[in-house]
């Protein structure tokens, strides 16, 4: 009989082994703990489907403070979704999702959002009643594949960066809140490597990732009060990204700065889906403003 139970740290190897079996790659141990135990916004939410000693499925969620239609709210994002192929067809994923949703409601979450893939998307939308919110268009700019990269320079987010976010927040519609505590968890404390660039009134965060077999860099986040300052941050981001073949981003503001610096929209999109637990879920182009760093895979 399959049971839905809370995750315990002693089961970490079994969970990572399941992820490797399903996706062909074992997630780093320290990244799992960082997502769920280090998050300053909400408690660890990971549930398992077990049958005897076997872990048949896993689903987690990470909590974020968000502004939704002008009001602050708690939002949950599913993470680490996997079901052992030997146990598929038994409704395990639906049961895991129901438990994660219950925990999210109890924590006070108003919405669930997901940056989904082609495997999970049809289940969430087709079987669980989630809605398509929008598709985030990825922009790209080619880079010269040589030259020494620069360091970001900023080691810790503080009040200056939080104040920079507060200045632009009214222009972002619905979005994730960027407190200094959150930014330090998301980028400084992350086991992934990010470079952080400070400007007089904002900041940019740059990471690296192989994207469809190409050595890429990406703008994880960029906060600036003006097109001019955004353009300056993009120039610095390109210098930090030297050695990569392409620099990618999802502009959430100041698209004119990206276009002026040589970024162009690509055919690549990220599917954003959502589900209202309590209240209204904004839907459509421009309803939400996200950057690549708001996803769990950049």
C-alpha atoms as a PDB file:
ATOM      1  CA  UNK A   1       0.000   0.000   0.000  1.00  0.00           C
ATOM      2  CA  UNK A   2       1.355   3.417  -0.982  1.00  0.00           C
ATOM      3  CA  UNK A   3       1.516   6.010   1.797  1.00  0.00           C
ATOM      4  CA  UNK A   4       2.028   9.782   1.587  1.00  0.00           C
ATOM      5  CA  UNK A   5       4.417  10.822   4.364  1.00  0.00           C
ATOM      6  CA  UNK A   6       6.591  13.826   5.289  1.00  0.00           C
ATOM      7  CA  UNK A   7      10.189  13.694   4.151  1.00  0.00           C
ATOM      8  CA  UNK A   8      12.887  13.034   6.747  1.00  0.00           C
ATOM      9  CA  UNK A   9      16.580  13.960   6.205  1.00  0.00           C
ATOM     10  CA  UNK A  10      17.592  10.299   6.580  1.00  0.00           C
ATOM     11  CA  UNK A  11      15.758   9.657   3.285  1.00  0.00           C
ATOM     12  CA  UNK A  12      17.866  12.107   1.277  1.00  0.00           C
ATOM     13  CA  UNK A  13      19.884   9.461  -0.589  1.00  0.00           C
ATOM     14  CA  UNK A  14      16.712   7.637  -1.587  1.00  0.00           C
ATOM     15  CA  UNK A  15      15.162  10.887  -2.861  1.00  0.00           C
ATOM     16  CA  UNK A  16      18.247  11.870  -4.860  1.00  0.00           C
ATOM     17  CA  UNK A  17      18.453   8.349  -6.261  1.00  0.00           C
ATOM     18  CA  UNK A  18      14.848   8.604  -7.418  1.00  0.00           C
ATOM     19  CA  UNK A  19      15.567  11.949  -9.102  1.00  0.00           C
ATOM     20  CA  UNK A  20      18.540  10.400 -10.897  1.00  0.00           C
ATOM     21  CA  UNK A  21      16.420   7.465 -12.030  1.00  0.00           C
ATOM     22  CA  UNK A  22      13.672   9.699 -13.408  1.00  0.00           C
ATOM     23  CA  UNK A  23      15.723  12.562 -14.885  1.00  0.00           C
ATOM     24  CA  UNK A  24      19.074  10.914 -15.565  1.00  0.00           C
ATOM     25  CA  UNK A  25      20.951  13.284 -13.268  1.00  0.00           C
ATOM     26  CA  UNK A  26      21.443  13.278  -9.516  1.00  0.00           C
ATOM     27  CA  UNK A  27      20.830  16.696  -7.920  1.00  0.00           C
ATOM     28  CA  UNK A  28      23.619  17.984  -5.654  1.00  0.00           C
ATOM     29  CA  UNK A  29      23.082  17.120  -1.979  1.00  0.00           C
ATOM     30  CA  UNK A  30      23.802  20.636  -0.748  1.00  0.00           C
ATOM     31  CA  UNK A  31      21.333  22.154  -3.211  1.00  0.00           C
ATOM     32  CA  UNK A  32      18.454  20.103  -1.827  1.00  0.00           C
ATOM     33  CA  UNK A  33      19.117  21.330   1.707  1.00  0.00           C
ATOM     34  CA  UNK A  34      19.581  24.907   0.537  1.00  0.00           C
ATOM     35  CA  UNK A  35      16.218  24.993  -1.236  1.00  0.00           C
ATOM     36  CA  UNK A  36      14.197  23.584   1.615  1.00  0.00           C
ATOM     37  CA  UNK A  37      16.037  24.289   4.867  1.00  0.00           C
ATOM     38  CA  UNK A  38      17.682  27.614   4.043  1.00  0.00           C
ATOM     39  CA  UNK A  39      14.681  29.419   2.560  1.00  0.00           C
ATOM     40  CA  UNK A  40      13.918  32.362   4.911  1.00  0.00           C
ATOM     41  CA  UNK A  41      10.300  32.689   3.775  1.00  0.00           C
ATOM     42  CA  UNK A  42       8.649  29.394   4.662  1.00  0.00           C
ATOM     43  CA  UNK A  43       9.171  26.004   6.308  1.00  0.00           C
ATOM     44  CA  UNK A  44      10.484  22.927   4.505  1.00  0.00           C
ATOM     45  CA  UNK A  45       7.728  21.276   2.488  1.00  0.00           C
ATOM     46  CA  UNK A  46       8.670  17.894   1.020  1.00  0.00           C
ATOM     47  CA  UNK A  47       6.376  14.873   0.888  1.00  0.00           C
ATOM     48  CA  UNK A  48       7.078  11.321  -0.233  1.00  0.00           C
ATOM     49  CA  UNK A  49       5.074   8.425  -1.565  1.00  0.00           C
ATOM     50  CA  UNK A  50       6.440   5.241   0.004  1.00  0.00           C
ATOM     51  CA  UNK A  51       5.645   1.591  -0.434  1.00  0.00           C
ATOM     52  CA  UNK A  52       7.452  -0.497   2.144  1.00  0.00           C
ATOM     53  CA  UNK A  53      11.082   0.654   2.067  1.00  0.00           C
ATOM     54  CA  UNK A  54      10.809   2.036  -1.468  1.00  0.00           C
ATOM     55  CA  UNK A  55      10.384   5.741  -2.257  1.00  0.00           C
ATOM     56  CA  UNK A  56       7.889   5.769  -5.129  1.00  0.00           C
ATOM     57  CA  UNK A  57       7.529   9.527  -5.533  1.00  0.00           C
ATOM     58  CA  UNK A  58       8.569  12.929  -4.196  1.00  0.00           C
ATOM     59  CA  UNK A  59       7.238  16.462  -4.410  1.00  0.00           C
ATOM     60  CA  UNK A  60       8.426  19.572  -2.606  1.00  0.00           C
ATOM     61  CA  UNK A  61       7.449  23.222  -2.538  1.00  0.00           C
ATOM     62  CA  UNK A  62       9.319  26.427  -1.787  1.00  0.00           C
ATOM     63  CA  UNK A  63       7.579  29.522  -0.412  1.00  0.00           C
ATOM     64  CA  UNK A  64       8.012  33.070  -1.673  1.00  0.00           C
ATOM     65  CA  UNK A  65       6.706  36.439  -0.583  1.00  0.00           C
ATOM     66  CA  UNK A  66       5.012  38.047  -3.547  1.00  0.00           C
ATOM     67  CA  UNK A  67       3.059  41.129  -4.476  1.00  0.00           C
ATOM     68  CA  UNK A  68      -0.195  39.977  -6.110  1.00  0.00           C
ATOM     69  CA  UNK A  69      -2.446  42.680  -7.562  1.00  0.00           C
ATOM     70  CA  UNK A  70      -0.809  45.248  -5.281  1.00  0.00           C
ATOM     71  CA  UNK A  71      -1.068  43.216  -2.057  1.00  0.00           C
ATOM     72  CA  UNK A  72       1.612  41.114  -0.390  1.00  0.00           C
ATOM     73  CA  UNK A  73       0.870  37.386  -0.309  1.00  0.00           C
ATOM     74  CA  UNK A  74       2.554  34.035   0.221  1.00  0.00           C
ATOM     75  CA  UNK A  75       3.074  31.918  -2.900  1.00  0.00           C
ATOM     76  CA  UNK A  76       4.236  28.283  -3.136  1.00  0.00           C
ATOM     77  CA  UNK A  77       6.208  26.781  -6.051  1.00  0.00           C
ATOM     78  CA  UNK A  78       6.442  22.997  -6.576  1.00  0.00           C
ATOM     79  CA  UNK A  79       9.986  21.612  -6.769  1.00  0.00           C
ATOM     80  CA  UNK A  80      11.656  18.208  -7.124  1.00  0.00           C
ATOM     81  CA  UNK A  81       8.683  16.403  -8.664  1.00  0.00           C
ATOM     82  CA  UNK A  82       9.364  12.771  -9.560  1.00  0.00           C
ATOM     83  CA  UNK A  83       7.517   9.455  -9.662  1.00  0.00           C
ATOM     84  CA  UNK A  84       9.304   6.132 -10.098  1.00  0.00           C
ATOM     85  CA  UNK A  85       8.283   4.700 -13.513  1.00  0.00           C
ATOM     86  CA  UNK A  86       7.543   1.382 -11.782  1.00  0.00           C
ATOM     87  CA  UNK A  87       4.785   3.099  -9.775  1.00  0.00           C
ATOM     88  CA  UNK A  88       3.255   5.293 -12.468  1.00  0.00           C
ATOM     89  CA  UNK A  89      -0.430   5.012 -13.296  1.00  0.00           C
ATOM     90  CA  UNK A  90      -1.510   4.809  -9.650  1.00  0.00           C
ATOM     91  CA  UNK A  91      -2.361   8.471  -9.095  1.00  0.00           C
ATOM     92  CA  UNK A  92       0.712   9.005  -6.900  1.00  0.00           C
ATOM     93  CA  UNK A  93       1.540  12.432  -8.300  1.00  0.00           C
ATOM     94  CA  UNK A  94      -2.016  13.634  -7.711  1.00  0.00           C
ATOM     95  CA  UNK A  95      -1.876  12.472  -4.092  1.00  0.00           C
ATOM     96  CA  UNK A  96       1.489  14.144  -3.557  1.00  0.00           C
ATOM     97  CA  UNK A  97       0.169  17.374  -5.031  1.00  0.00           C
ATOM     98  CA  UNK A  98      -2.927  17.273  -2.817  1.00  0.00           C
ATOM     99  CA  UNK A  99      -0.742  16.994   0.286  1.00  0.00           C
ATOM    100  CA  UNK A 100       1.598  19.795  -0.799  1.00  0.00           C
ATOM    101  CA  UNK A 101      -1.440  21.957  -1.524  1.00  0.00           C
ATOM    102  CA  UNK A 102      -2.850  21.224   1.942  1.00  0.00           C
ATOM    103  CA  UNK A 103       0.437  22.200   3.606  1.00  0.00           C
ATOM    104  CA  UNK A 104       0.624  25.382   1.501  1.00  0.00           C
ATOM    105  CA  UNK A 105      -2.916  26.369   2.503  1.00  0.00           C
ATOM    106  CA  UNK A 106      -2.142  25.745   6.174  1.00  0.00           C
ATOM    107  CA  UNK A 107       0.943  27.980   5.842  1.00  0.00           C
ATOM    108  CA  UNK A 108      -1.245  30.777   4.467  1.00  0.00           C
ATOM    109  CA  UNK A 109      -0.318  30.566   0.787  1.00  0.00           C
ATOM    110  CA  UNK A 110      -2.808  32.215  -1.568  1.00  0.00           C
ATOM    111  CA  UNK A 111      -1.417  30.851  -4.817  1.00  0.00           C
ATOM    112  CA  UNK A 112       0.677  28.087  -6.294  1.00  0.00           C
ATOM    113  CA  UNK A 113       2.833  28.896  -9.321  1.00  0.00           C
ATOM    114  CA  UNK A 114       5.054  26.699 -11.428  1.00  0.00           C
ATOM    115  CA  UNK A 115       7.705  27.134 -14.123  1.00  0.00           C
ATOM    116  CA  UNK A 116       6.858  23.796 -15.611  1.00  0.00           C
ATOM    117  CA  UNK A 117       8.315  21.353 -18.123  1.00  0.00           C
ATOM    118  CA  UNK A 118       6.742  19.211 -20.828  1.00  0.00           C
ATOM    119  CA  UNK A 119       6.386  16.232 -18.464  1.00  0.00           C
ATOM    120  CA  UNK A 120       4.672  17.934 -15.516  1.00  0.00           C
ATOM    121  CA  UNK A 121       2.752  20.648 -17.374  1.00  0.00           C
ATOM    122  CA  UNK A 122       0.095  18.372 -18.924  1.00  0.00           C
ATOM    123  CA  UNK A 123      -0.564  16.766 -15.526  1.00  0.00           C
ATOM    124  CA  UNK A 124      -0.969  20.061 -13.679  1.00  0.00           C
ATOM    125  CA  UNK A 125      -3.138  21.660 -16.366  1.00  0.00           C
ATOM    126  CA  UNK A 126      -4.936  18.605 -17.734  1.00  0.00           C
ATOM    127  CA  UNK A 127      -5.594  16.675 -14.514  1.00  0.00           C
ATOM    128  CA  UNK A 128      -5.189  19.037 -11.566  1.00  0.00           C
ATOM    129  CA  UNK A 129      -6.997  22.095 -12.857  1.00  0.00           C
ATOM    130  CA  UNK A 130      -4.054  24.505 -12.980  1.00  0.00           C
ATOM    131  CA  UNK A 131      -4.208  27.352 -15.500  1.00  0.00           C
ATOM    132  CA  UNK A 132      -1.762  28.657 -18.065  1.00  0.00           C
ATOM    133  CA  UNK A 133      -0.677  32.066 -16.776  1.00  0.00           C
ATOM    134  CA  UNK A 134       1.791  33.178 -19.455  1.00  0.00           C
ATOM    135  CA  UNK A 135       4.861  32.190 -21.429  1.00  0.00           C
ATOM    136  CA  UNK A 136       8.023  34.071 -20.517  1.00  0.00           C
ATOM    137  CA  UNK A 137      10.048  34.962 -23.604  1.00  0.00           C
ATOM    138  CA  UNK A 138      13.804  34.385 -23.342  1.00  0.00           C
ATOM    139  CA  UNK A 139      16.020  37.055 -24.921  1.00  0.00           C
ATOM    140  CA  UNK A 140      19.630  36.450 -25.982  1.00  0.00           C
ATOM    141  CA  UNK A 141      22.761  38.315 -27.002  1.00  0.00           C
ATOM    142  CA  UNK A 142      25.863  36.634 -28.508  1.00  0.00           C
ATOM    143  CA  UNK A 143      29.172  37.013 -26.694  1.00  0.00           C
ATOM    144  CA  UNK A 144      32.737  36.723 -27.892  1.00  0.00           C
ATOM    145  CA  UNK A 145      34.062  33.366 -26.616  1.00  0.00           C
ATOM    146  CA  UNK A 146      37.325  34.743 -25.269  1.00  0.00           C
ATOM    147  CA  UNK A 147      38.692  37.297 -22.858  1.00  0.00           C
ATOM    148  CA  UNK A 148      38.993  37.326 -19.100  1.00  0.00           C
ATOM    149  CA  UNK A 149      35.772  37.685 -17.183  1.00  0.00           C
ATOM    150  CA  UNK A 150      35.396  40.218 -14.390  1.00  0.00           C
ATOM    151  CA  UNK A 151      34.145  39.564 -10.890  1.00  0.00           C
ATOM    152  CA  UNK A 152      30.821  40.920  -9.788  1.00  0.00           C
ATOM    153  CA  UNK A 153      32.178  42.851  -6.833  1.00  0.00           C
ATOM    154  CA  UNK A 154      29.202  42.760  -4.452  1.00  0.00           C
ATOM    155  CA  UNK A 155      29.443  40.039  -1.805  1.00  0.00           C
ATOM    156  CA  UNK A 156      26.358  40.713   0.311  1.00  0.00           C
ATOM    157  CA  UNK A 157      22.995  42.291  -0.428  1.00  0.00           C
ATOM    158  CA  UNK A 158      22.033  45.077   1.926  1.00  0.00           C
ATOM    159  CA  UNK A 159      19.652  47.961   2.346  1.00  0.00           C
ATOM    160  CA  UNK A 160      20.883  49.790  -0.767  1.00  0.00           C
ATOM    161  CA  UNK A 161      19.850  46.885  -3.020  1.00  0.00           C
ATOM    162  CA  UNK A 162      16.559  46.418  -1.185  1.00  0.00           C
ATOM    163  CA  UNK A 163      15.820  50.135  -1.542  1.00  0.00           C
ATOM    164  CA  UNK A 164      16.574  49.859  -5.260  1.00  0.00           C
ATOM    165  CA  UNK A 165      13.965  47.138  -5.565  1.00  0.00           C
ATOM    166  CA  UNK A 166      11.423  49.176  -3.580  1.00  0.00           C
ATOM    167  CA  UNK A 167      11.793  52.044  -6.047  1.00  0.00           C
ATOM    168  CA  UNK A 168      10.833  49.901  -9.041  1.00  0.00           C
ATOM    169  CA  UNK A 169       8.340  47.571  -7.302  1.00  0.00           C
ATOM    170  CA  UNK A 170       5.243  49.602  -8.302  1.00  0.00           C
ATOM    171  CA  UNK A 171       6.150  49.042 -11.978  1.00  0.00           C
ATOM    172  CA  UNK A 172       6.391  45.258 -11.689  1.00  0.00           C
ATOM    173  CA  UNK A 173       2.709  44.410 -11.184  1.00  0.00           C
ATOM    174  CA  UNK A 174       2.623  40.924  -9.586  1.00  0.00           C
ATOM    175  CA  UNK A 175       6.116  39.649  -8.715  1.00  0.00           C
ATOM    176  CA  UNK A 176       8.345  38.100  -6.039  1.00  0.00           C
ATOM    177  CA  UNK A 177       9.476  40.429  -3.245  1.00  0.00           C
ATOM    178  CA  UNK A 178      13.223  41.076  -3.158  1.00  0.00           C
ATOM    179  CA  UNK A 179      14.238  41.678   0.438  1.00  0.00           C
ATOM    180  CA  UNK A 180      17.943  41.682   1.320  1.00  0.00           C
ATOM    181  CA  UNK A 181      17.408  38.502   3.354  1.00  0.00           C
ATOM    182  CA  UNK A 182      15.784  36.743   0.404  1.00  0.00           C
ATOM    183  CA  UNK A 183      18.435  37.945  -2.077  1.00  0.00           C
ATOM    184  CA  UNK A 184      21.278  36.741   0.155  1.00  0.00           C
ATOM    185  CA  UNK A 185      19.642  33.314   0.454  1.00  0.00           C
ATOM    186  CA  UNK A 186      18.827  33.059  -3.247  1.00  0.00           C
ATOM    187  CA  UNK A 187      22.185  34.195  -4.668  1.00  0.00           C
ATOM    188  CA  UNK A 188      24.906  34.609  -2.023  1.00  0.00           C
ATOM    189  CA  UNK A 189      24.209  31.464   0.017  1.00  0.00           C
ATOM    190  CA  UNK A 190      23.320  29.342  -3.005  1.00  0.00           C
ATOM    191  CA  UNK A 191      25.537  26.344  -3.835  1.00  0.00           C
ATOM    192  CA  UNK A 192      25.278  27.568  -7.421  1.00  0.00           C
ATOM    193  CA  UNK A 193      27.727  30.283  -8.426  1.00  0.00           C
ATOM    194  CA  UNK A 194      26.461  33.780  -9.103  1.00  0.00           C
ATOM    195  CA  UNK A 195      28.253  37.099  -9.596  1.00  0.00           C
ATOM    196  CA  UNK A 196      26.528  40.177  -8.189  1.00  0.00           C
ATOM    197  CA  UNK A 197      27.095  43.636  -9.654  1.00  0.00           C
ATOM    198  CA  UNK A 198      26.109  46.801  -7.801  1.00  0.00           C
ATOM    199  CA  UNK A 199      25.128  50.075  -9.453  1.00  0.00           C
ATOM    200  CA  UNK A 200      24.331  53.382  -7.709  1.00  0.00           C
ATOM    201  CA  UNK A 201      20.633  52.526  -7.434  1.00  0.00           C
ATOM    202  CA  UNK A 202      20.348  48.840  -8.265  1.00  0.00           C
ATOM    203  CA  UNK A 203      22.099  45.565  -9.018  1.00  0.00           C
ATOM    204  CA  UNK A 204      22.419  42.674 -11.457  1.00  0.00           C
ATOM    205  CA  UNK A 205      23.049  38.969 -10.852  1.00  0.00           C
ATOM    206  CA  UNK A 206      24.822  36.791 -13.422  1.00  0.00           C
ATOM    207  CA  UNK A 207      25.059  33.004 -13.482  1.00  0.00           C
ATOM    208  CA  UNK A 208      26.369  30.345 -15.871  1.00  0.00           C
ATOM    209  CA  UNK A 209      24.705  27.271 -17.313  1.00  0.00           C
ATOM    210  CA  UNK A 210      24.973  24.954 -20.306  1.00  0.00           C
ATOM    211  CA  UNK A 211      21.890  25.685 -22.352  1.00  0.00           C
ATOM    212  CA  UNK A 212      21.049  23.237 -25.122  1.00  0.00           C
ATOM    213  CA  UNK A 213      24.689  22.211 -25.264  1.00  0.00           C
ATOM    214  CA  UNK A 214      26.032  25.774 -25.404  1.00  0.00           C
ATOM    215  CA  UNK A 215      28.117  27.475 -22.722  1.00  0.00           C
ATOM    216  CA  UNK A 216      25.740  30.250 -21.665  1.00  0.00           C
ATOM    217  CA  UNK A 217      25.584  32.989 -19.083  1.00  0.00           C
ATOM    218  CA  UNK A 218      22.338  34.458 -17.866  1.00  0.00           C
ATOM    219  CA  UNK A 219      21.044  37.567 -16.151  1.00  0.00           C
ATOM    220  CA  UNK A 220      19.322  36.027 -13.134  1.00  0.00           C
ATOM    221  CA  UNK A 221      18.000  39.376 -11.922  1.00  0.00           C
ATOM    222  CA  UNK A 222      18.413  43.032 -12.758  1.00  0.00           C
ATOM    223  CA  UNK A 223      17.013  45.953 -10.778  1.00  0.00           C
ATOM    224  CA  UNK A 224      17.514  49.515 -11.996  1.00  0.00           C
ATOM    225  CA  UNK A 225      15.390  52.670 -11.793  1.00  0.00           C
ATOM    226  CA  UNK A 226      16.119  53.827 -15.357  1.00  0.00           C
ATOM    227  CA  UNK A 227      16.930  52.545 -18.840  1.00  0.00           C
ATOM    228  CA  UNK A 228      20.350  54.207 -18.601  1.00  0.00           C
ATOM    229  CA  UNK A 229      21.313  52.410 -15.393  1.00  0.00           C
ATOM    230  CA  UNK A 230      19.920  49.109 -16.710  1.00  0.00           C
ATOM    231  CA  UNK A 231      22.102  49.507 -19.813  1.00  0.00           C
ATOM    232  CA  UNK A 232      25.170  50.086 -17.615  1.00  0.00           C
ATOM    233  CA  UNK A 233      24.391  46.936 -15.619  1.00  0.00           C
ATOM    234  CA  UNK A 234      23.985  44.904 -18.808  1.00  0.00           C
ATOM    235  CA  UNK A 235      27.392  46.077 -20.060  1.00  0.00           C
ATOM    236  CA  UNK A 236      28.957  44.993 -16.785  1.00  0.00           C
ATOM    237  CA  UNK A 237      27.033  41.696 -16.944  1.00  0.00           C
ATOM    238  CA  UNK A 238      28.514  40.971 -20.368  1.00  0.00           C
ATOM    239  CA  UNK A 239      32.028  41.540 -19.026  1.00  0.00           C
ATOM    240  CA  UNK A 240      31.327  39.232 -16.090  1.00  0.00           C
ATOM    241  CA  UNK A 241      29.973  36.633 -18.561  1.00  0.00           C
ATOM    242  CA  UNK A 242      33.073  36.548 -20.794  1.00  0.00           C
ATOM    243  CA  UNK A 243      33.963  33.029 -21.874  1.00  0.00           C
ATOM    244  CA  UNK A 244      30.334  32.099 -22.494  1.00  0.00           C
ATOM    245  CA  UNK A 245      28.946  32.049 -26.036  1.00  0.00           C
ATOM    246  CA  UNK A 246      25.649  33.731 -25.265  1.00  0.00           C
ATOM    247  CA  UNK A 247      24.042  35.857 -22.567  1.00  0.00           C
ATOM    248  CA  UNK A 248      20.331  35.211 -21.966  1.00  0.00           C
ATOM    249  CA  UNK A 249      17.680  36.966 -19.902  1.00  0.00           C
ATOM    250  CA  UNK A 250      13.962  37.394 -19.329  1.00  0.00           C
ATOM    251  CA  UNK A 251      13.559  41.190 -19.121  1.00  0.00           C
ATOM    252  CA  UNK A 252      10.949  42.158 -16.558  1.00  0.00           C
ATOM    253  CA  UNK A 253      11.517  45.912 -16.977  1.00  0.00           C
ATOM    254  CA  UNK A 254      13.439  48.279 -19.265  1.00  0.00           C
ATOM    255  CA  UNK A 255      13.240  46.117 -22.385  1.00  0.00           C
ATOM    256  CA  UNK A 256      14.576  49.120 -24.331  1.00  0.00           C
ATOM    257  CA  UNK A 257      17.910  48.747 -22.509  1.00  0.00           C
ATOM    258  CA  UNK A 258      18.135  45.079 -23.496  1.00  0.00           C
ATOM    259  CA  UNK A 259      17.311  45.856 -27.125  1.00  0.00           C
ATOM    260  CA  UNK A 260      19.844  48.711 -27.242  1.00  0.00           C
ATOM    261  CA  UNK A 261      22.532  46.392 -25.913  1.00  0.00           C
ATOM    262  CA  UNK A 262      21.932  43.796 -28.639  1.00  0.00           C
ATOM    263  CA  UNK A 263      19.489  41.397 -26.969  1.00  0.00           C
ATOM    264  CA  UNK A 264      16.779  39.955 -29.230  1.00  0.00           C
ATOM    265  CA  UNK A 265      13.767  37.770 -28.402  1.00  0.00           C
ATOM    266  CA  UNK A 266      14.309  34.078 -29.127  1.00  0.00           C
ATOM    267  CA  UNK A 267      11.827  31.266 -29.862  1.00  0.00           C
ATOM    268  CA  UNK A 268      12.527  29.875 -26.388  1.00  0.00           C
ATOM    269  CA  UNK A 269       9.832  30.366 -23.766  1.00  0.00           C
ATOM    270  CA  UNK A 270       9.236  29.256 -20.182  1.00  0.00           C
ATOM    271  CA  UNK A 271       5.721  28.064 -19.423  1.00  0.00           C
ATOM    272  CA  UNK A 272       4.251  29.658 -16.306  1.00  0.00           C
ATOM    273  CA  UNK A 273       1.216  27.947 -14.788  1.00  0.00           C
ATOM    274  CA  UNK A 274      -0.700  28.621 -11.592  1.00  0.00           C
ATOM    275  CA  UNK A 275      -3.505  27.665  -9.253  1.00  0.00           C
ATOM    276  CA  UNK A 276      -5.444  29.904  -6.851  1.00  0.00           C
ATOM    277  CA  UNK A 277      -5.746  28.564  -3.312  1.00  0.00           C
ATOM    278  CA  UNK A 278      -7.483  31.670  -1.972  1.00  0.00           C
ATOM    279  CA  UNK A 279      -8.360  34.670  -4.064  1.00  0.00           C
ATOM    280  CA  UNK A 280      -7.520  35.778  -7.588  1.00  0.00           C
ATOM    281  CA  UNK A 281      -4.768  34.453  -9.886  1.00  0.00           C
ATOM    282  CA  UNK A 282      -3.584  37.169 -12.329  1.00  0.00           C
ATOM    283  CA  UNK A 283      -3.310  35.729 -15.839  1.00  0.00           C
ATOM    284  CA  UNK A 284      -2.014  37.008 -19.162  1.00  0.00           C
ATOM    285  CA  UNK A 285       0.925  38.909 -20.646  1.00  0.00           C
ATOM    286  CA  UNK A 286       2.263  41.487 -18.234  1.00  0.00           C
ATOM    287  CA  UNK A 287       0.261  40.197 -15.253  1.00  0.00           C
ATOM    288  CA  UNK A 288       3.462  38.875 -13.661  1.00  0.00           C
ATOM    289  CA  UNK A 289       7.037  40.123 -13.965  1.00  0.00           C
ATOM    290  CA  UNK A 290       9.643  37.411 -13.504  1.00  0.00           C
ATOM    291  CA  UNK A 291      13.374  37.068 -14.109  1.00  0.00           C
ATOM    292  CA  UNK A 292      15.320  33.861 -14.735  1.00  0.00           C
ATOM    293  CA  UNK A 293      16.429  33.817 -11.103  1.00  0.00           C
ATOM    294  CA  UNK A 294      12.807  33.447 -10.023  1.00  0.00           C
ATOM    295  CA  UNK A 295      12.763  29.969 -11.559  1.00  0.00           C
ATOM    296  CA  UNK A 296      14.278  26.933  -9.866  1.00  0.00           C
ATOM    297  CA  UNK A 297      16.409  25.853 -12.846  1.00  0.00           C
ATOM    298  CA  UNK A 298      18.515  28.981 -13.429  1.00  0.00           C
END
